[in-house]
Amino acid sequence: MTLLFFGISWWQTRELPAGSETPGLSASLATLEGTPFAWGAPTSPAKVTLVYAFAPWCGVCKMSSSNLRWLAQLFDAASVRIVPLALAFDKPEDVRIYAAEHPFPSPVVLGDEGTQRALRIDAFPTYFLMDRDLKIQHASVGYSTFLGMLARTLLALTIG
């Protein structure tokens, strides 16, 4: 059973960027509130960036997004920056409704098709743990428990 779990996990993440690869992320993204969003380190002193890529229509995303609030309560902004990244939506109002029903601990960033292509995302939710230089250290797809997110975040903090 364990082998099956790891096999499925590998299959789901096989195309995602990881290791030393840095995806070509657009600097022209904005938050749901309309403020510009920059990926780069100058805007965040965080040691680790957790990108939570979701779609407002995704049922699994609705079940897992609350885990981010728990994680944000454990870490300060100097340790972990959480970036909720909305993708695959028709209009920003869909994201606004989702965010009102499932509040995030930080502003939602509105991604576009280019962002989704750069990160090679084809399923939701997708998680990326990036180091200070925005190098992806870990990527996963699907539901993650709070303990799963916590364990991956702690590992990223100890490595980075």
C-alpha atoms as a PDB file:
ATOM      1  CA  MET A   1       0.000   0.000   0.000  1.00  0.00           C
ATOM      2  CA  THR A   2       2.830   2.411   0.865  1.00  0.00           C
ATOM      3  CA  LEU A   3       4.520   1.657  -2.444  1.00  0.00           C
ATOM      4  CA  LEU A   4       1.275   2.429  -4.264  1.00  0.00           C
ATOM      5  CA  PHE A   5       0.949   5.765  -2.434  1.00  0.00           C
ATOM      6  CA  PHE A   6       4.498   6.824  -3.333  1.00  0.00           C
ATOM      7  CA  GLY A   7       4.026   5.635  -6.910  1.00  0.00           C
ATOM      8  CA  ILE A   8       0.911   7.769  -7.339  1.00  0.00           C
ATOM      9  CA  SER A   9       2.619  10.736  -5.693  1.00  0.00           C
ATOM     10  CA  TRP A  10       5.604  10.404  -8.030  1.00  0.00           C
ATOM     11  CA  TRP A  11       3.308  10.167 -11.063  1.00  0.00           C
ATOM     12  CA  GLN A  12       1.391  13.315 -10.086  1.00  0.00           C
ATOM     13  CA  THR A  13       4.542  15.391  -9.543  1.00  0.00           C
ATOM     14  CA  ARG A  14       6.795  14.007 -12.282  1.00  0.00           C
ATOM     15  CA  GLU A  15       6.386  17.078 -14.541  1.00  0.00           C
ATOM     16  CA  LEU A  16       6.586  19.719 -11.816  1.00  0.00           C
ATOM     17  CA  PRO A  17       9.768  21.768 -11.550  1.00  0.00           C
ATOM     18  CA  ALA A  18      11.915  20.831  -8.567  1.00  0.00           C
ATOM     19  CA  GLY A  19      15.461  20.901  -7.259  1.00  0.00           C
ATOM     20  CA  SER A  20      17.614  23.714  -8.549  1.00  0.00           C
ATOM     21  CA  GLU A  21      15.249  24.653 -11.363  1.00  0.00           C
ATOM     22  CA  THR A  22      13.697  28.089 -11.038  1.00  0.00           C
ATOM     23  CA  PRO A  23      10.498  28.558 -12.998  1.00  0.00           C
ATOM     24  CA  GLY A  24      10.169  31.627 -15.191  1.00  0.00           C
ATOM     25  CA  LEU A  25       7.638  33.458 -13.067  1.00  0.00           C
ATOM     26  CA  SER A  26       6.056  36.631 -14.361  1.00  0.00           C
ATOM     27  CA  ALA A  27       6.801  39.780 -12.409  1.00  0.00           C
ATOM     28  CA  SER A  28       3.579  41.381 -13.680  1.00  0.00           C
ATOM     29  CA  LEU A  29       1.117  39.592 -11.411  1.00  0.00           C
ATOM     30  CA  ALA A  30      -1.198  41.388  -8.998  1.00  0.00           C
ATOM     31  CA  THR A  31      -3.061  40.474  -5.849  1.00  0.00           C
ATOM     32  CA  LEU A  32      -6.827  40.179  -5.723  1.00  0.00           C
ATOM     33  CA  GLU A  33      -6.831  43.693  -4.217  1.00  0.00           C
ATOM     34  CA  GLY A  34      -4.970  45.010  -7.274  1.00  0.00           C
ATOM     35  CA  THR A  35      -1.561  45.641  -5.722  1.00  0.00           C
ATOM     36  CA  PRO A  36       1.472  44.492  -7.707  1.00  0.00           C
ATOM     37  CA  PHE A  37       3.028  41.240  -6.569  1.00  0.00           C
ATOM     38  CA  ALA A  38       6.750  40.524  -6.868  1.00  0.00           C
ATOM     39  CA  TRP A  39       8.190  37.040  -6.491  1.00  0.00           C
ATOM     40  CA  GLY A  40      11.685  38.231  -5.703  1.00  0.00           C
ATOM     41  CA  ALA A  41      13.468  38.150  -2.374  1.00  0.00           C
ATOM     42  CA  PRO A  42      13.694  41.951  -1.946  1.00  0.00           C
ATOM     43  CA  THR A  43       9.985  42.039  -1.068  1.00  0.00           C
ATOM     44  CA  SER A  44      10.211  39.216   1.457  1.00  0.00           C
ATOM     45  CA  PRO A  45      12.848  38.304   4.006  1.00  0.00           C
ATOM     46  CA  ALA A  46      11.296  34.831   4.333  1.00  0.00           C
ATOM     47  CA  LYS A  47      13.574  31.813   4.387  1.00  0.00           C
ATOM     48  CA  VAL A  48      10.890  29.692   2.706  1.00  0.00           C
ATOM     49  CA  THR A  49       8.034  30.555   0.343  1.00  0.00           C
ATOM     50  CA  LEU A  50       5.064  28.196   0.249  1.00  0.00           C
ATOM     51  CA  VAL A  51       3.096  28.634  -2.960  1.00  0.00           C
ATOM     52  CA  TYR A  52      -0.395  27.161  -2.770  1.00  0.00           C
ATOM     53  CA  ALA A  53      -1.755  27.031  -6.332  1.00  0.00           C
ATOM     54  CA  PHE A  54      -5.508  26.561  -6.358  1.00  0.00           C
ATOM     55  CA  ALA A  55      -8.558  26.960  -8.563  1.00  0.00           C
ATOM     56  CA  PRO A  56     -11.808  28.405  -7.190  1.00  0.00           C
ATOM     57  CA  TRP A  57     -13.825  25.477  -8.597  1.00  0.00           C
ATOM     58  CA  CYS A  58     -11.564  22.822  -7.009  1.00  0.00           C
ATOM     59  CA  GLY A  59     -13.259  20.774  -4.278  1.00  0.00           C
ATOM     60  CA  VAL A  60      -9.988  19.455  -2.871  1.00  0.00           C
ATOM     61  CA  CYS A  61      -8.699  23.026  -2.647  1.00  0.00           C
ATOM     62  CA  LYS A  62     -11.723  23.950  -0.555  1.00  0.00           C
ATOM     63  CA  MET A  63     -10.889  21.138   1.876  1.00  0.00           C
ATOM     64  CA  SER A  64      -7.189  21.968   2.203  1.00  0.00           C
ATOM     65  CA  SER A  65      -6.997  25.769   2.103  1.00  0.00           C
ATOM     66  CA  SER A  66      -7.799  26.118   5.815  1.00  0.00           C
ATOM     67  CA  ASN A  67      -4.551  24.280   6.612  1.00  0.00           C
ATOM     68  CA  LEU A  68      -2.657  27.357   5.421  1.00  0.00           C
ATOM     69  CA  ARG A  69      -4.185  29.466   8.192  1.00  0.00           C
ATOM     70  CA  TRP A  70      -2.939  26.988  10.803  1.00  0.00           C
ATOM     71  CA  LEU A  71       0.523  27.053   9.247  1.00  0.00           C
ATOM     72  CA  ALA A  72       0.580  30.866   9.235  1.00  0.00           C
ATOM     73  CA  GLN A  73      -0.134  30.889  12.962  1.00  0.00           C
ATOM     74  CA  LEU A  74       3.012  28.854  13.638  1.00  0.00           C
ATOM     75  CA  PHE A  75       5.525  30.827  11.557  1.00  0.00           C
ATOM     76  CA  ASP A  76       6.335  34.500  11.299  1.00  0.00           C
ATOM     77  CA  ALA A  77       6.872  36.300   7.997  1.00  0.00           C
ATOM     78  CA  ALA A  78      10.653  36.127   8.435  1.00  0.00           C
ATOM     79  CA  SER A  79      10.470  32.338   8.324  1.00  0.00           C
ATOM     80  CA  VAL A  80       7.675  31.423   5.945  1.00  0.00           C
ATOM     81  CA  ARG A  81       5.887  33.468   3.304  1.00  0.00           C
ATOM     82  CA  ILE A  82       2.609  31.912   2.168  1.00  0.00           C
ATOM     83  CA  VAL A  83       1.482  32.772  -1.355  1.00  0.00           C
ATOM     84  CA  PRO A  84      -2.040  31.653  -2.300  1.00  0.00           C
ATOM     85  CA  LEU A  85      -1.933  31.594  -6.115  1.00  0.00           C
ATOM     86  CA  ALA A  86      -5.268  31.529  -7.945  1.00  0.00           C
ATOM     87  CA  LEU A  87      -5.209  29.874 -11.364  1.00  0.00           C
ATOM     88  CA  ALA A  88      -7.712  28.512 -13.891  1.00  0.00           C
ATOM     89  CA  PHE A  89     -10.487  30.969 -13.074  1.00  0.00           C
ATOM     90  CA  ASP A  90     -12.873  32.734 -15.435  1.00  0.00           C
ATOM     91  CA  LYS A  91     -13.034  36.082 -13.649  1.00  0.00           C
ATOM     92  CA  PRO A  92     -11.493  37.614 -10.534  1.00  0.00           C
ATOM     93  CA  GLU A  93     -14.933  37.703  -8.898  1.00  0.00           C
ATOM     94  CA  ASP A  94     -14.828  33.864  -8.761  1.00  0.00           C
ATOM     95  CA  VAL A  95     -11.599  34.105  -6.757  1.00  0.00           C
ATOM     96  CA  ARG A  96     -13.030  36.854  -4.552  1.00  0.00           C
ATOM     97  CA  ILE A  97     -16.031  34.657  -3.641  1.00  0.00           C
ATOM     98  CA  TYR A  98     -13.741  31.686  -2.956  1.00  0.00           C
ATOM     99  CA  ALA A  99     -11.441  33.791  -0.754  1.00  0.00           C
ATOM    100  CA  ALA A 100     -14.409  35.137   1.217  1.00  0.00           C
ATOM    101  CA  GLU A 101     -15.624  31.582   1.896  1.00  0.00           C
ATOM    102  CA  HIS A 102     -12.126  30.202   2.524  1.00  0.00           C
ATOM    103  CA  PRO A 103      -9.996  33.061   3.914  1.00  0.00           C
ATOM    104  CA  PHE A 104      -6.246  32.935   3.365  1.00  0.00           C
ATOM    105  CA  PRO A 105      -3.572  34.209   5.774  1.00  0.00           C
ATOM    106  CA  SER A 106      -2.089  36.465   3.096  1.00  0.00           C
ATOM    107  CA  PRO A 107      -3.279  38.252  -0.060  1.00  0.00           C
ATOM    108  CA  VAL A 108      -4.300  36.059  -2.981  1.00  0.00           C
ATOM    109  CA  VAL A 109      -2.152  36.436  -6.095  1.00  0.00           C
ATOM    110  CA  LEU A 110      -3.962  36.221  -9.421  1.00  0.00           C
ATOM    111  CA  GLY A 111      -1.970  34.016 -11.752  1.00  0.00           C
ATOM    112  CA  ASP A 112      -2.476  33.618 -15.457  1.00  0.00           C
ATOM    113  CA  GLU A 113      -1.991  30.924 -18.075  1.00  0.00           C
ATOM    114  CA  GLY A 114       1.684  31.856 -18.370  1.00  0.00           C
ATOM    115  CA  THR A 115       2.181  31.323 -14.639  1.00  0.00           C
ATOM    116  CA  GLN A 116       0.414  27.980 -14.817  1.00  0.00           C
ATOM    117  CA  ARG A 117       2.579  26.908 -17.790  1.00  0.00           C
ATOM    118  CA  ALA A 118       5.800  28.098 -16.132  1.00  0.00           C
ATOM    119  CA  LEU A 119       5.020  26.049 -13.028  1.00  0.00           C
ATOM    120  CA  ARG A 120       3.727  23.113 -15.160  1.00  0.00           C
ATOM    121  CA  ILE A 121       0.560  22.848 -13.104  1.00  0.00           C
ATOM    122  CA  ASP A 122      -2.175  20.589 -14.444  1.00  0.00           C
ATOM    123  CA  ALA A 123      -3.906  19.589 -11.180  1.00  0.00           C
ATOM    124  CA  PHE A 124      -5.080  21.397  -8.075  1.00  0.00           C
ATOM    125  CA  PRO A 125      -4.093  22.116  -5.437  1.00  0.00           C
ATOM    126  CA  THR A 126      -0.372  22.139  -6.178  1.00  0.00           C
ATOM    127  CA  TYR A 127       2.152  23.142  -3.512  1.00  0.00           C
ATOM    128  CA  PHE A 128       5.679  24.451  -3.966  1.00  0.00           C
ATOM    129  CA  LEU A 129       8.175  25.070  -1.197  1.00  0.00           C
ATOM    130  CA  MET A 130      10.833  27.478  -2.435  1.00  0.00           C
ATOM    131  CA  ASP A 131      14.013  28.615  -0.748  1.00  0.00           C
ATOM    132  CA  ARG A 132      15.059  32.266  -0.353  1.00  0.00           C
ATOM    133  CA  ASP A 133      16.341  32.274  -3.953  1.00  0.00           C
ATOM    134  CA  LEU A 134      12.984  30.930  -5.203  1.00  0.00           C
ATOM    135  CA  LYS A 135      14.474  27.567  -6.105  1.00  0.00           C
ATOM    136  CA  ILE A 136      11.820  24.901  -5.723  1.00  0.00           C
ATOM    137  CA  GLN A 137      12.826  22.460  -3.002  1.00  0.00           C
ATOM    138  CA  HIS A 138       9.645  20.398  -2.912  1.00  0.00           C
ATOM    139  CA  ALA A 139       6.493  20.096  -5.005  1.00  0.00           C
ATOM    140  CA  SER A 140       3.338  18.115  -4.369  1.00  0.00           C
ATOM    141  CA  VAL A 141      -0.160  17.759  -5.766  1.00  0.00           C
ATOM    142  CA  GLY A 142      -3.502  17.077  -4.119  1.00  0.00           C
ATOM    143  CA  TYR A 143      -4.799  17.247  -0.609  1.00  0.00           C
ATOM    144  CA  SER A 144      -2.213  17.807   2.095  1.00  0.00           C
ATOM    145  CA  THR A 145      -3.049  17.627   5.753  1.00  0.00           C
ATOM    146  CA  PHE A 146      -1.885  20.338   8.103  1.00  0.00           C
ATOM    147  CA  LEU A 147       0.714  17.910   9.494  1.00  0.00           C
ATOM    148  CA  GLY A 148       1.928  17.152   5.972  1.00  0.00           C
ATOM    149  CA  MET A 149       2.346  20.860   5.213  1.00  0.00           C
ATOM    150  CA  LEU A 150       4.032  21.414   8.554  1.00  0.00           C
ATOM    151  CA  ALA A 151       6.495  18.552   8.039  1.00  0.00           C
ATOM    152  CA  ARG A 152       7.449  19.736   4.535  1.00  0.00           C
ATOM    153  CA  THR A 153       7.809  23.327   5.721  1.00  0.00           C
ATOM    154  CA  LEU A 154      10.010  22.339   8.669  1.00  0.00           C
ATOM    155  CA  LEU A 155      12.166  20.246   6.347  1.00  0.00           C
ATOM    156  CA  ALA A 156      12.524  23.167   3.940  1.00  0.00           C
ATOM    157  CA  LEU A 157      13.488  25.469   6.804  1.00  0.00           C
ATOM    158  CA  THR A 158      16.180  23.095   8.023  1.00  0.00           C
ATOM    159  CA  ILE A 159      17.602  22.595   4.528  1.00  0.00           C
ATOM    160  CA  GLY A 160      17.420  26.284   3.571  1.00  0.00           C
END
